[in-house]
Structures are given as C-alpha cells and as structure tokens.
Amino acid sequence: MQAKIQANINKQITDDMPILQIGASGKAVRFLQMLLMAYGFFSRDLLTDEFNGRTELSVKNFQTVYRLRADGIVGEETWKKLAEVAAVTTNVN
C-alpha cells in the first residue's frame, strides 16, 4: 500500500511541477527551497521566490548526493528524487 501511495505522489509531483532553473521565480521555487532546506541543502535565511545562484548550487549538491545529473536544473528526475526523500524522511519512526 505504501509503495502505491509513493508512486502516486511521485507521479503527481513530476506531472504538476514545472522545470526550474536560474531565472525562475514564484511559489514552485519557494517550495523547492523549502524542501532543500528540510533536507539540509539550503539555509532558511536564503529563502526567496527567486531561483538564483545559491538555489542552483543547493540543487547541484542535492543532485550530486543522490547521484543525479548535477546540472542545477530541477526537472522530472530531480522532482522525483525530492519526493522519494520526502517519503523516507516522513516515514522515520
């Protein structure tokens, strides 16, 4: 059952979230930054709605740690991994 729920979360995130990179702005960028902050890749005092160099560096660090292509662009694979990490983080007993 948990695997099915996780698959649905991954599909929704990868289907609904935009590709983010330098120059992007808005709620999706803030959401990304909050996820990165929760996982220890971003600092609270840097939260904005702007995908800037600090956000790109944090994304690249996340991608490197999780063995993704470290291009600093948040596309389908990065969103999927962000969702997987969220599931693991929230399922810790």
Protein backbone atom coordinates (compact mmCIF):
# COMPACT_ATOMS: atom_id res chain seq x y z
CA MET A 1 0.00 0.00 0.00
CA GLN A 2 2.78 2.45 0.92
CA ALA A 3 4.55 1.78 -2.41
CA LYS A 4 1.33 2.61 -4.29
CA ILE A 5 0.91 5.86 -2.34
CA GLN A 6 4.54 6.78 -3.03
CA ALA A 7 4.09 6.08 -6.75
CA ASN A 8 1.05 8.37 -6.81
CA ILE A 9 2.97 11.14 -5.00
CA ASN A 10 5.90 10.80 -7.41
CA LYS A 11 3.61 10.92 -10.43
CA GLN A 12 1.75 13.97 -9.15
CA ILE A 13 4.93 15.84 -8.34
CA THR A 14 6.61 15.06 -11.66
CA ASP A 15 3.43 15.82 -13.64
CA ASP A 16 2.47 19.01 -11.83
CA MET A 17 5.78 20.71 -11.07
CA PRO A 18 7.50 22.97 -13.59
CA ILE A 19 11.08 22.69 -14.72
CA LEU A 20 13.04 25.14 -12.59
CA GLN A 21 16.39 26.74 -13.30
CA ILE A 22 18.25 30.05 -12.97
CA GLY A 23 15.83 32.92 -13.55
CA ALA A 24 12.67 31.07 -12.47
CA SER A 25 10.55 32.59 -9.73
CA GLY A 26 7.35 32.01 -7.81
CA LYS A 27 5.74 29.54 -5.45
CA ALA A 28 7.32 26.46 -7.01
CA VAL A 29 10.79 27.94 -6.39
CA ARG A 30 9.91 28.69 -2.77
CA PHE A 31 8.58 25.12 -2.38
CA LEU A 32 11.81 23.76 -3.84
CA GLN A 33 13.90 25.89 -1.49
CA MET A 34 11.85 24.72 1.50
CA LEU A 35 12.38 21.07 0.52
CA LEU A 36 16.10 21.66 0.09
CA MET A 37 16.16 23.41 3.47
CA ALA A 38 14.36 20.49 5.12
CA TYR A 39 16.98 18.10 3.69
CA GLY A 40 19.90 20.27 4.85
CA PHE A 41 20.92 21.65 1.45
CA PHE A 42 19.63 25.22 1.83
CA SER A 43 19.66 27.86 4.55
CA ARG A 44 16.49 29.44 5.95
CA ASP A 45 17.95 32.94 5.65
CA LEU A 46 18.25 32.47 1.87
CA LEU A 47 14.54 31.69 1.25
CA THR A 48 13.12 33.75 -1.60
CA ASP A 49 10.89 33.22 -4.60
CA GLU A 50 13.90 33.51 -6.91
CA PHE A 51 15.93 30.66 -8.41
CA ASN A 52 19.33 32.28 -8.10
CA GLY A 53 22.92 31.05 -7.88
CA ARG A 54 22.54 29.87 -4.29
CA THR A 55 19.49 27.82 -5.21
CA GLU A 56 21.31 26.36 -8.20
CA LEU A 57 24.29 25.37 -6.03
CA SER A 58 21.97 23.72 -3.50
CA VAL A 59 20.22 21.81 -6.28
CA LYS A 60 23.57 20.66 -7.69
CA ASN A 61 24.64 19.48 -4.23
CA PHE A 62 21.36 17.57 -3.81
CA GLN A 63 21.75 16.05 -7.26
CA THR A 64 25.32 15.01 -6.55
CA VAL A 65 24.46 13.37 -3.22
CA TYR A 66 21.58 11.43 -4.83
CA ARG A 67 23.59 10.51 -7.94
CA LEU A 68 21.57 12.53 -10.41
CA ARG A 69 22.98 14.59 -13.25
CA ALA A 70 24.26 17.64 -11.38
CA ASP A 71 23.15 20.31 -13.84
CA GLY A 72 21.31 22.56 -11.37
CA ILE A 73 18.05 22.17 -13.29
CA VAL A 74 15.05 20.77 -11.43
CA GLY A 75 13.25 18.57 -13.92
CA GLU A 76 11.33 15.32 -13.67
CA GLU A 77 14.13 13.20 -12.19
CA THR A 78 15.07 15.75 -9.54
CA TRP A 79 11.43 16.31 -8.53
CA LYS A 80 11.00 12.53 -8.32
CA LYS A 81 14.04 12.19 -6.04
CA LEU A 82 12.85 15.12 -3.89
CA ALA A 83 9.54 13.26 -3.43
CA GLU A 84 11.31 10.00 -2.59
CA VAL A 85 13.46 11.72 0.02
CA ALA A 86 10.33 13.34 1.49
CA ALA A 87 8.69 9.93 1.81
CA VAL A 88 11.73 8.45 3.54
CA THR A 89 12.04 11.48 5.84
CA THR A 90 8.40 11.40 6.88
CA ASN A 91 8.32 7.61 7.41
CA VAL A 92 11.08 7.53 10.03
CA ASN A 93 9.73 6.02 13.27
